[in-house]
Amino acid sequence: MKAYVHRWDGKSPGIGRGWVEEATQSLTGVDKTVSKVGLLAAIAPYQVDEELIREFKSYYDKDACLLNIVSWASFTASRRIGSWLSYR
């Protein structure tokens, strides 16, 4: 996930999820689900839906686990966006 965000150019991926499926195609099970949640939270939070959250909670039932991955993903995206800023 971190490598994908590092290559991200800031453009919206649109309304489809093909990009996240492609980015996580080599993963399975919990790794795939956690990566999907993280990538969507970082790049397209409007695509996080109840079905994905249910899938995530089938592995990690505590809200703190979800909060951890979403917070980390948001921070990673914020750092990427911050790298585009010019400081003088």
PDB file of N, CA and C in Angstrom:
ATOM      1  N   MET A   1       0.809  -1.180   0.000  1.00  0.00           N
ATOM      2  CA  MET A   1       0.000   0.000   0.000  1.00  0.00           C
ATOM      3  C   MET A   1       0.857   1.251   0.000  1.00  0.00           C
ATOM      4  N   LYS A   2       1.875   1.265   0.812  1.00  0.00           N
ATOM      5  CA  LYS A   2       2.727   2.451   0.911  1.00  0.00           C
ATOM      6  C   LYS A   2       3.363   2.765  -0.439  1.00  0.00           C
ATOM      7  N   ALA A   3       3.807   1.759  -1.167  1.00  0.00           N
ATOM      8  CA  ALA A   3       4.421   1.976  -2.483  1.00  0.00           C
ATOM      9  C   ALA A   3       3.410   2.557  -3.468  1.00  0.00           C
ATOM     10  N   TYR A   4       2.180   2.098  -3.414  1.00  0.00           N
ATOM     11  CA  TYR A   4       1.144   2.613  -4.312  1.00  0.00           C
ATOM     12  C   TYR A   4       0.903   4.092  -4.030  1.00  0.00           C
ATOM     13  N   VAL A   5       0.758   4.440  -2.768  1.00  0.00           N
ATOM     14  CA  VAL A   5       0.521   5.838  -2.391  1.00  0.00           C
ATOM     15  C   VAL A   5       1.724   6.686  -2.774  1.00  0.00           C
ATOM     16  N   HIS A   6       2.924   6.147  -2.634  1.00  0.00           N
ATOM     17  CA  HIS A   6       4.129   6.892  -2.997  1.00  0.00           C
ATOM     18  C   HIS A   6       4.146   7.233  -4.491  1.00  0.00           C
ATOM     19  N   ARG A   7       3.584   6.375  -5.322  1.00  0.00           N
ATOM     20  CA  ARG A   7       3.534   6.623  -6.772  1.00  0.00           C
ATOM     21  C   ARG A   7       2.320   7.446  -7.186  1.00  0.00           C
ATOM     22  N   TRP A   8       1.370   7.613  -6.297  1.00  0.00           N
ATOM     23  CA  TRP A   8       0.121   8.315  -6.584  1.00  0.00           C
ATOM     24  C   TRP A   8       0.391   9.764  -6.970  1.00  0.00           C
ATOM     25  N   ASP A   9      -0.289  10.234  -8.007  1.00  0.00           N
ATOM     26  CA  ASP A   9      -0.082  11.603  -8.498  1.00  0.00           C
ATOM     27  C   ASP A   9      -1.146  12.582  -8.018  1.00  0.00           C
ATOM     28  N   GLY A  10      -2.026  12.138  -7.162  1.00  0.00           N
ATOM     29  CA  GLY A  10      -3.054  13.005  -6.608  1.00  0.00           C
ATOM     30  C   GLY A  10      -4.367  12.995  -7.358  1.00  0.00           C
ATOM     31  N   LYS A  11      -4.403  12.352  -8.488  1.00  0.00           N
ATOM     32  CA  LYS A  11      -5.631  12.309  -9.273  1.00  0.00           C
ATOM     33  C   LYS A  11      -6.619  11.322  -8.668  1.00  0.00           C
ATOM     34  N   SER A  12      -7.890  11.647  -8.797  1.00  0.00           N
ATOM     35  CA  SER A  12      -8.936  10.754  -8.337  1.00  0.00           C
ATOM     36  C   SER A  12      -8.970   9.513  -9.234  1.00  0.00           C
ATOM     37  N   PRO A  13      -9.093   8.338  -8.645  1.00  0.00           N
ATOM     38  CA  PRO A  13      -9.175   7.135  -9.464  1.00  0.00           C
ATOM     39  C   PRO A  13     -10.547   6.945 -10.106  1.00  0.00           C
ATOM     40  N   GLY A  14     -11.491   7.820  -9.779  1.00  0.00           N
ATOM     41  CA  GLY A  14     -12.844   7.692 -10.322  1.00  0.00           C
ATOM     42  C   GLY A  14     -13.731   6.877  -9.412  1.00  0.00           C
ATOM     43  N   ILE A  15     -14.887   6.497  -9.945  1.00  0.00           N
ATOM     44  CA  ILE A  15     -15.852   5.804  -9.096  1.00  0.00           C
ATOM     45  C   ILE A  15     -15.688   4.288  -9.083  1.00  0.00           C
ATOM     46  N   GLY A  16     -14.955   3.741 -10.013  1.00  0.00           N
ATOM     47  CA  GLY A  16     -14.751   2.295 -10.051  1.00  0.00           C
ATOM     48  C   GLY A  16     -13.674   1.851  -9.080  1.00  0.00           C
ATOM     49  N   ARG A  17     -13.691   0.570  -8.753  1.00  0.00           N
ATOM     50  CA  ARG A  17     -12.688   0.006  -7.855  1.00  0.00           C
ATOM     51  C   ARG A  17     -11.674  -0.878  -8.560  1.00  0.00           C
ATOM     52  N   GLY A  18     -11.646  -0.829  -9.865  1.00  0.00           N
ATOM     53  CA  GLY A  18     -10.693  -1.653 -10.602  1.00  0.00           C
ATOM     54  C   GLY A  18      -9.257  -1.390 -10.192  1.00  0.00           C
ATOM     55  N   TRP A  19      -8.940  -0.151  -9.925  1.00  0.00           N
ATOM     56  CA  TRP A  19      -7.575   0.223  -9.544  1.00  0.00           C
ATOM     57  C   TRP A  19      -7.154  -0.438  -8.233  1.00  0.00           C
ATOM     58  N   VAL A  20      -8.070  -0.511  -7.256  1.00  0.00           N
ATOM     59  CA  VAL A  20      -7.713  -1.120  -5.976  1.00  0.00           C
ATOM     60  C   VAL A  20      -7.658  -2.641  -6.103  1.00  0.00           C
ATOM     61  N   GLU A  21      -8.502  -3.206  -6.950  1.00  0.00           N
ATOM     62  CA  GLU A  21      -8.440  -4.646  -7.198  1.00  0.00           C
ATOM     63  C   GLU A  21      -7.106  -5.012  -7.854  1.00  0.00           C
ATOM     64  N   GLU A  22      -6.689  -4.203  -8.820  1.00  0.00           N
ATOM     65  CA  GLU A  22      -5.401  -4.442  -9.489  1.00  0.00           C
ATOM     66  C   GLU A  22      -4.237  -4.296  -8.507  1.00  0.00           C
ATOM     67  N   ALA A  23      -4.297  -3.289  -7.659  1.00  0.00           N
ATOM     68  CA  ALA A  23      -3.211  -3.037  -6.704  1.00  0.00           C
ATOM     69  C   ALA A  23      -3.086  -4.138  -5.658  1.00  0.00           C
ATOM     70  N   THR A  24      -4.175  -4.846  -5.388  1.00  0.00           N
ATOM     71  CA  THR A  24      -4.162  -5.886  -4.349  1.00  0.00           C
ATOM     72  C   THR A  24      -4.290  -7.299  -4.925  1.00  0.00           C
ATOM     73  N   GLN A  25      -4.147  -7.449  -6.226  1.00  0.00           N
ATOM     74  CA  GLN A  25      -4.386  -8.745  -6.867  1.00  0.00           C
ATOM     75  C   GLN A  25      -3.466  -9.854  -6.385  1.00  0.00           C
ATOM     76  N   SER A  26      -2.270  -9.529  -5.926  1.00  0.00           N
ATOM     77  CA  SER A  26      -1.347 -10.574  -5.476  1.00  0.00           C
ATOM     78  C   SER A  26      -1.585 -10.982  -4.024  1.00  0.00           C
ATOM     79  N   LEU A  27      -2.516 -10.334  -3.356  1.00  0.00           N
ATOM     80  CA  LEU A  27      -2.788 -10.611  -1.946  1.00  0.00           C
ATOM     81  C   LEU A  27      -4.038 -11.472  -1.793  1.00  0.00           C
ATOM     82  N   THR A  28      -4.156 -12.094  -0.637  1.00  0.00           N
ATOM     83  CA  THR A  28      -5.336 -12.897  -0.338  1.00  0.00           C
ATOM     84  C   THR A  28      -5.771 -12.655   1.101  1.00  0.00           C
ATOM     85  N   GLY A  29      -6.982 -13.066   1.395  1.00  0.00           N
ATOM     86  CA  GLY A  29      -7.486 -13.068   2.759  1.00  0.00           C
ATOM     87  C   GLY A  29      -7.385 -11.732   3.459  1.00  0.00           C
ATOM     88  N   VAL A  30      -6.918 -11.803   4.698  1.00  0.00           N
ATOM     89  CA  VAL A  30      -6.847 -10.609   5.532  1.00  0.00           C
ATOM     90  C   VAL A  30      -5.923  -9.547   4.942  1.00  0.00           C
ATOM     91  N   ASP A  31      -4.818  -9.965   4.322  1.00  0.00           N
ATOM     92  CA  ASP A  31      -3.889  -8.993   3.736  1.00  0.00           C
ATOM     93  C   ASP A  31      -4.563  -8.185   2.638  1.00  0.00           C
ATOM     94  N   LYS A  32      -5.350  -8.852   1.823  1.00  0.00           N
ATOM     95  CA  LYS A  32      -6.060  -8.164   0.740  1.00  0.00           C
ATOM     96  C   LYS A  32      -7.096  -7.184   1.302  1.00  0.00           C
ATOM     97  N   THR A  33      -7.853  -7.637   2.277  1.00  0.00           N
ATOM     98  CA  THR A  33      -8.895  -6.792   2.858  1.00  0.00           C
ATOM     99  C   THR A  33      -8.299  -5.567   3.540  1.00  0.00           C
ATOM    100  N   VAL A  34      -7.272  -5.761   4.355  1.00  0.00           N
ATOM    101  CA  VAL A  34      -6.643  -4.635   5.042  1.00  0.00           C
ATOM    102  C   VAL A  34      -6.039  -3.668   4.034  1.00  0.00           C
ATOM    103  N   SER A  35      -5.415  -4.181   2.992  1.00  0.00           N
ATOM    104  CA  SER A  35      -4.831  -3.313   1.962  1.00  0.00           C
ATOM    105  C   SER A  35      -5.897  -2.522   1.220  1.00  0.00           C
ATOM    106  N   LYS A  36      -7.016  -3.151   0.931  1.00  0.00           N
ATOM    107  CA  LYS A  36      -8.113  -2.438   0.277  1.00  0.00           C
ATOM    108  C   LYS A  36      -8.624  -1.295   1.146  1.00  0.00           C
ATOM    109  N   VAL A  37      -8.847  -1.585   2.417  1.00  0.00           N
ATOM    110  CA  VAL A  37      -9.320  -0.541   3.330  1.00  0.00           C
ATOM    111  C   VAL A  37      -8.311   0.599   3.383  1.00  0.00           C
ATOM    112  N   GLY A  38      -7.045   0.260   3.496  1.00  0.00           N
ATOM    113  CA  GLY A  38      -6.010   1.282   3.573  1.00  0.00           C
ATOM    114  C   GLY A  38      -5.907   2.118   2.317  1.00  0.00           C
ATOM    115  N   LEU A  39      -5.879   1.477   1.170  1.00  0.00           N
ATOM    116  CA  LEU A  39      -5.782   2.221  -0.099  1.00  0.00           C
ATOM    117  C   LEU A  39      -7.002   3.101  -0.332  1.00  0.00           C
ATOM    118  N   LEU A  40      -8.166   2.552  -0.067  1.00  0.00           N
ATOM    119  CA  LEU A  40      -9.371   3.355  -0.255  1.00  0.00           C
ATOM    120  C   LEU A  40      -9.415   4.528   0.715  1.00  0.00           C
ATOM    121  N   ALA A  41      -9.034   4.303   1.960  1.00  0.00           N
ATOM    122  CA  ALA A  41      -9.029   5.394   2.934  1.00  0.00           C
ATOM    123  C   ALA A  41      -8.041   6.484   2.528  1.00  0.00           C
ATOM    124  N   ALA A  42      -6.911   6.081   1.957  1.00  0.00           N
ATOM    125  CA  ALA A  42      -5.876   7.038   1.572  1.00  0.00           C
ATOM    126  C   ALA A  42      -6.219   7.809   0.307  1.00  0.00           C
ATOM    127  N   ILE A  43      -6.755   7.134  -0.686  1.00  0.00           N
ATOM    128  CA  ILE A  43      -6.886   7.733  -2.022  1.00  0.00           C
ATOM    129  C   ILE A  43      -8.325   8.016  -2.427  1.00  0.00           C
ATOM    130  N   ALA A  44      -9.243   7.197  -2.002  1.00  0.00           N
ATOM    131  CA  ALA A  44     -10.643   7.370  -2.414  1.00  0.00           C
ATOM    132  C   ALA A  44     -11.583   6.993  -1.265  1.00  0.00           C
ATOM    133  N   PRO A  45     -11.571   7.773  -0.182  1.00  0.00           N
ATOM    134  CA  PRO A  45     -12.383   7.397   0.978  1.00  0.00           C
ATOM    135  C   PRO A  45     -13.874   7.300   0.684  1.00  0.00           C
ATOM    136  N   TYR A  46     -14.320   7.962  -0.359  1.00  0.00           N
ATOM    137  CA  TYR A  46     -15.735   7.891  -0.739  1.00  0.00           C
ATOM    138  C   TYR A  46     -16.112   6.501  -1.246  1.00  0.00           C
ATOM    139  N   GLN A  47     -15.138   5.642  -1.490  1.00  0.00           N
ATOM    140  CA  GLN A  47     -15.420   4.288  -1.964  1.00  0.00           C
ATOM    141  C   GLN A  47     -15.489   3.258  -0.836  1.00  0.00           C
ATOM    142  N   VAL A  48     -15.169   3.655   0.384  1.00  0.00           N
ATOM    143  CA  VAL A  48     -15.292   2.736   1.518  1.00  0.00           C
ATOM    144  C   VAL A  48     -16.783   2.556   1.789  1.00  0.00           C
ATOM    145  N   ASP A  49     -17.234   1.312   1.796  1.00  0.00           N
ATOM    146  CA  ASP A  49     -18.652   1.058   2.016  1.00  0.00           C
ATOM    147  C   ASP A  49     -18.862   0.037   3.132  1.00  0.00           C
ATOM    148  N   GLU A  50     -20.114  -0.160   3.469  1.00  0.00           N
ATOM    149  CA  GLU A  50     -20.457  -1.070   4.566  1.00  0.00           C
ATOM    150  C   GLU A  50     -19.984  -2.494   4.306  1.00  0.00           C
ATOM    151  N   GLU A  51     -20.051  -2.946   3.081  1.00  0.00           N
ATOM    152  CA  GLU A  51     -19.617  -4.312   2.754  1.00  0.00           C
ATOM    153  C   GLU A  51     -18.136  -4.503   3.055  1.00  0.00           C
ATOM    154  N   LEU A  52     -17.316  -3.534   2.675  1.00  0.00           N
ATOM    155  CA  LEU A  52     -15.879  -3.633   2.946  1.00  0.00           C
ATOM    156  C   LEU A  52     -15.609  -3.585   4.446  1.00  0.00           C
ATOM    157  N   ILE A  53     -16.330  -2.744   5.166  1.00  0.00           N
ATOM    158  CA  ILE A  53     -16.148  -2.674   6.614  1.00  0.00           C
ATOM    159  C   ILE A  53     -16.561  -3.993   7.266  1.00  0.00           C
ATOM    160  N   ARG A  54     -17.641  -4.590   6.809  1.00  0.00           N
ATOM    161  CA  ARG A  54     -18.056  -5.909   7.334  1.00  0.00           C
ATOM    162  C   ARG A  54     -16.971  -6.953   7.062  1.00  0.00           C
ATOM    163  N   GLU A  55     -16.421  -6.916   5.860  1.00  0.00           N
ATOM    164  CA  GLU A  55     -15.348  -7.860   5.524  1.00  0.00           C
ATOM    165  C   GLU A  55     -14.150  -7.656   6.452  1.00  0.00           C
ATOM    166  N   PHE A  56     -13.768  -6.404   6.666  1.00  0.00           N
ATOM    167  CA  PHE A  56     -12.660  -6.090   7.567  1.00  0.00           C
ATOM    168  C   PHE A  56     -12.955  -6.602   8.980  1.00  0.00           C
ATOM    169  N   LYS A  57     -14.175  -6.360   9.443  1.00  0.00           N
ATOM    170  CA  LYS A  57     -14.538  -6.762  10.808  1.00  0.00           C
ATOM    171  C   LYS A  57     -14.677  -8.274  10.959  1.00  0.00           C
ATOM    172  N   SER A  58     -14.743  -8.997   9.855  1.00  0.00           N
ATOM    173  CA  SER A  58     -14.738 -10.453   9.968  1.00  0.00           C
ATOM    174  C   SER A  58     -13.357 -10.958  10.394  1.00  0.00           C
ATOM    175  N   TYR A  59     -12.339 -10.143  10.181  1.00  0.00           N
ATOM    176  CA  TYR A  59     -10.978 -10.464  10.617  1.00  0.00           C
ATOM    177  C   TYR A  59     -10.634  -9.771  11.932  1.00  0.00           C
ATOM    178  N   TYR A  60     -11.015  -8.501  12.034  1.00  0.00           N
ATOM    179  CA  TYR A  60     -10.708  -7.683  13.213  1.00  0.00           C
ATOM    180  C   TYR A  60     -12.002  -7.035  13.682  1.00  0.00           C
ATOM    181  N   ASP A  61     -12.539  -7.525  14.779  1.00  0.00           N
ATOM    182  CA  ASP A  61     -13.852  -7.036  15.204  1.00  0.00           C
ATOM    183  C   ASP A  61     -13.807  -5.764  16.043  1.00  0.00           C
ATOM    184  N   LYS A  62     -12.654  -5.358  16.499  1.00  0.00           N
ATOM    185  CA  LYS A  62     -12.567  -4.156  17.323  1.00  0.00           C
ATOM    186  C   LYS A  62     -12.463  -2.903  16.449  1.00  0.00           C
ATOM    187  N   ASP A  63     -13.212  -1.889  16.832  1.00  0.00           N
ATOM    188  CA  ASP A  63     -13.181  -0.628  16.095  1.00  0.00           C
ATOM    189  C   ASP A  63     -11.790  -0.007  16.095  1.00  0.00           C
ATOM    190  N   ALA A  64     -11.018  -0.250  17.154  1.00  0.00           N
ATOM    191  CA  ALA A  64      -9.669   0.315  17.238  1.00  0.00           C
ATOM    192  C   ALA A  64      -8.790  -0.185  16.094  1.00  0.00           C
ATOM    193  N   CYS A  65      -8.979  -1.408  15.663  1.00  0.00           N
ATOM    194  CA  CYS A  65      -8.190  -1.942  14.540  1.00  0.00           C
ATOM    195  C   CYS A  65      -8.519  -1.195  13.255  1.00  0.00           C
ATOM    196  N   LEU A  66      -9.786  -0.944  13.025  1.00  0.00           N
ATOM    197  CA  LEU A  66     -10.200  -0.190  11.848  1.00  0.00           C
ATOM    198  C   LEU A  66      -9.662   1.235  11.921  1.00  0.00           C
ATOM    199  N   LEU A  67      -9.759   1.832  13.077  1.00  0.00           N
ATOM    200  CA  LEU A  67      -9.253   3.187  13.262  1.00  0.00           C
ATOM    201  C   LEU A  67      -7.752   3.249  13.010  1.00  0.00           C
ATOM    202  N   ASN A  68      -7.027   2.239  13.444  1.00  0.00           N
ATOM    203  CA  ASN A  68      -5.573   2.205  13.224  1.00  0.00           C
ATOM    204  C   ASN A  68      -5.230   2.208  11.739  1.00  0.00           C
ATOM    205  N   ILE A  69      -5.852   1.352  10.952  1.00  0.00           N
ATOM    206  CA  ILE A  69      -5.509   1.273   9.531  1.00  0.00           C
ATOM    207  C   ILE A  69      -5.950   2.524   8.790  1.00  0.00           C
ATOM    208  N   VAL A  70      -7.117   3.054   9.118  1.00  0.00           N
ATOM    209  CA  VAL A  70      -7.596   4.265   8.447  1.00  0.00           C
ATOM    210  C   VAL A  70      -6.722   5.461   8.815  1.00  0.00           C
ATOM    211  N   SER A  71      -6.305   5.551  10.067  1.00  0.00           N
ATOM    212  CA  SER A  71      -5.436   6.649  10.497  1.00  0.00           C
ATOM    213  C   SER A  71      -4.078   6.567   9.808  1.00  0.00           C
ATOM    214  N   TRP A  72      -3.512   5.366   9.766  1.00  0.00           N
ATOM    215  CA  TRP A  72      -2.218   5.193   9.123  1.00  0.00           C
ATOM    216  C   TRP A  72      -2.307   5.531   7.638  1.00  0.00           C
ATOM    217  N   ALA A  73      -3.354   5.093   6.997  1.00  0.00           N
ATOM    218  CA  ALA A  73      -3.532   5.356   5.570  1.00  0.00           C
ATOM    219  C   ALA A  73      -3.696   6.849   5.303  1.00  0.00           C
ATOM    220  N   SER A  74      -4.478   7.516   6.129  1.00  0.00           N
ATOM    221  CA  SER A  74      -4.680   8.957   5.975  1.00  0.00           C
ATOM    222  C   SER A  74      -3.373   9.713   6.170  1.00  0.00           C
ATOM    223  N   PHE A  75      -2.600   9.305   7.162  1.00  0.00           N
ATOM    224  CA  PHE A  75      -1.307   9.938   7.410  1.00  0.00           C
ATOM    225  C   PHE A  75      -0.363   9.723   6.228  1.00  0.00           C
ATOM    226  N   THR A  76      -0.348   8.524   5.690  1.00  0.00           N
ATOM    227  CA  THR A  76       0.504   8.214   4.537  1.00  0.00           C
ATOM    228  C   THR A  76       0.125   9.082   3.338  1.00  0.00           C
ATOM    229  N   ALA A  77      -1.165   9.227   3.082  1.00  0.00           N
ATOM    230  CA  ALA A  77      -1.623  10.082   1.977  1.00  0.00           C
ATOM    231  C   ALA A  77      -1.276  11.542   2.249  1.00  0.00           C
ATOM    232  N   SER A  78      -1.420  11.975   3.481  1.00  0.00           N
ATOM    233  CA  SER A  78      -1.091  13.363   3.829  1.00  0.00           C
ATOM    234  C   SER A  78       0.391  13.656   3.624  1.00  0.00           C
ATOM    235  N   ARG A  79       1.221  12.705   3.969  1.00  0.00           N
ATOM    236  CA  ARG A  79       2.663  12.893   3.740  1.00  0.00           C
ATOM    237  C   ARG A  79       2.967  12.984   2.247  1.00  0.00           C
ATOM    238  N   ARG A  80       2.288  12.166   1.452  1.00  0.00           N
ATOM    239  CA  ARG A  80       2.485  12.211  -0.006  1.00  0.00           C
ATOM    240  C   ARG A  80       2.072  13.574  -0.545  1.00  0.00           C
ATOM    241  N   ILE A  81       0.917  14.049  -0.147  1.00  0.00           N
ATOM    242  CA  ILE A  81       0.434  15.347  -0.601  1.00  0.00           C
ATOM    243  C   ILE A  81       1.373  16.453  -0.126  1.00  0.00           C
ATOM    244  N   GLY A  82       1.841  16.351   1.104  1.00  0.00           N
ATOM    245  CA  GLY A  82       2.778  17.339   1.628  1.00  0.00           C
ATOM    246  C   GLY A  82       4.081  17.390   0.853  1.00  0.00           C
ATOM    247  N   SER A  83       4.464  16.275   0.251  1.00  0.00           N
ATOM    248  CA  SER A  83       5.716  16.253  -0.521  1.00  0.00           C
ATOM    249  C   SER A  83       5.627  17.071  -1.797  1.00  0.00           C
ATOM    250  N   TRP A  84       4.408  17.408  -2.218  1.00  0.00           N
ATOM    251  CA  TRP A  84       4.230  18.202  -3.428  1.00  0.00           C
ATOM    252  C   TRP A  84       4.320  19.697  -3.149  1.00  0.00           C
ATOM    253  N   LEU A  85       4.260  20.071  -1.886  1.00  0.00           N
ATOM    254  CA  LEU A  85       4.267  21.487  -1.525  1.00  0.00           C
ATOM    255  C   LEU A  85       5.671  22.056  -1.610  1.00  0.00           C
ATOM    256  N   SER A  86       5.741  23.269  -2.015  1.00  0.00           N
ATOM    257  CA  SER A  86       7.024  23.949  -2.113  1.00  0.00           C
ATOM    258  C   SER A  86       7.175  24.851  -0.893  1.00  0.00           C
ATOM    259  N   TYR A  87       8.243  24.649  -0.165  1.00  0.00           N
ATOM    260  CA  TYR A  87       8.525  25.473   1.011  1.00  0.00           C
ATOM    261  C   TYR A  87       9.637  26.453   0.675  1.00  0.00           C
ATOM    262  N   ARG A  88       9.413  27.694   1.039  1.00  0.00           N
ATOM    263  CA  ARG A  88      10.437  28.719   0.756  1.00  0.00           C
ATOM    264  C   ARG A  88      10.782  29.446   2.004  1.00  0.00           C
TER     265      ARG A  88
END
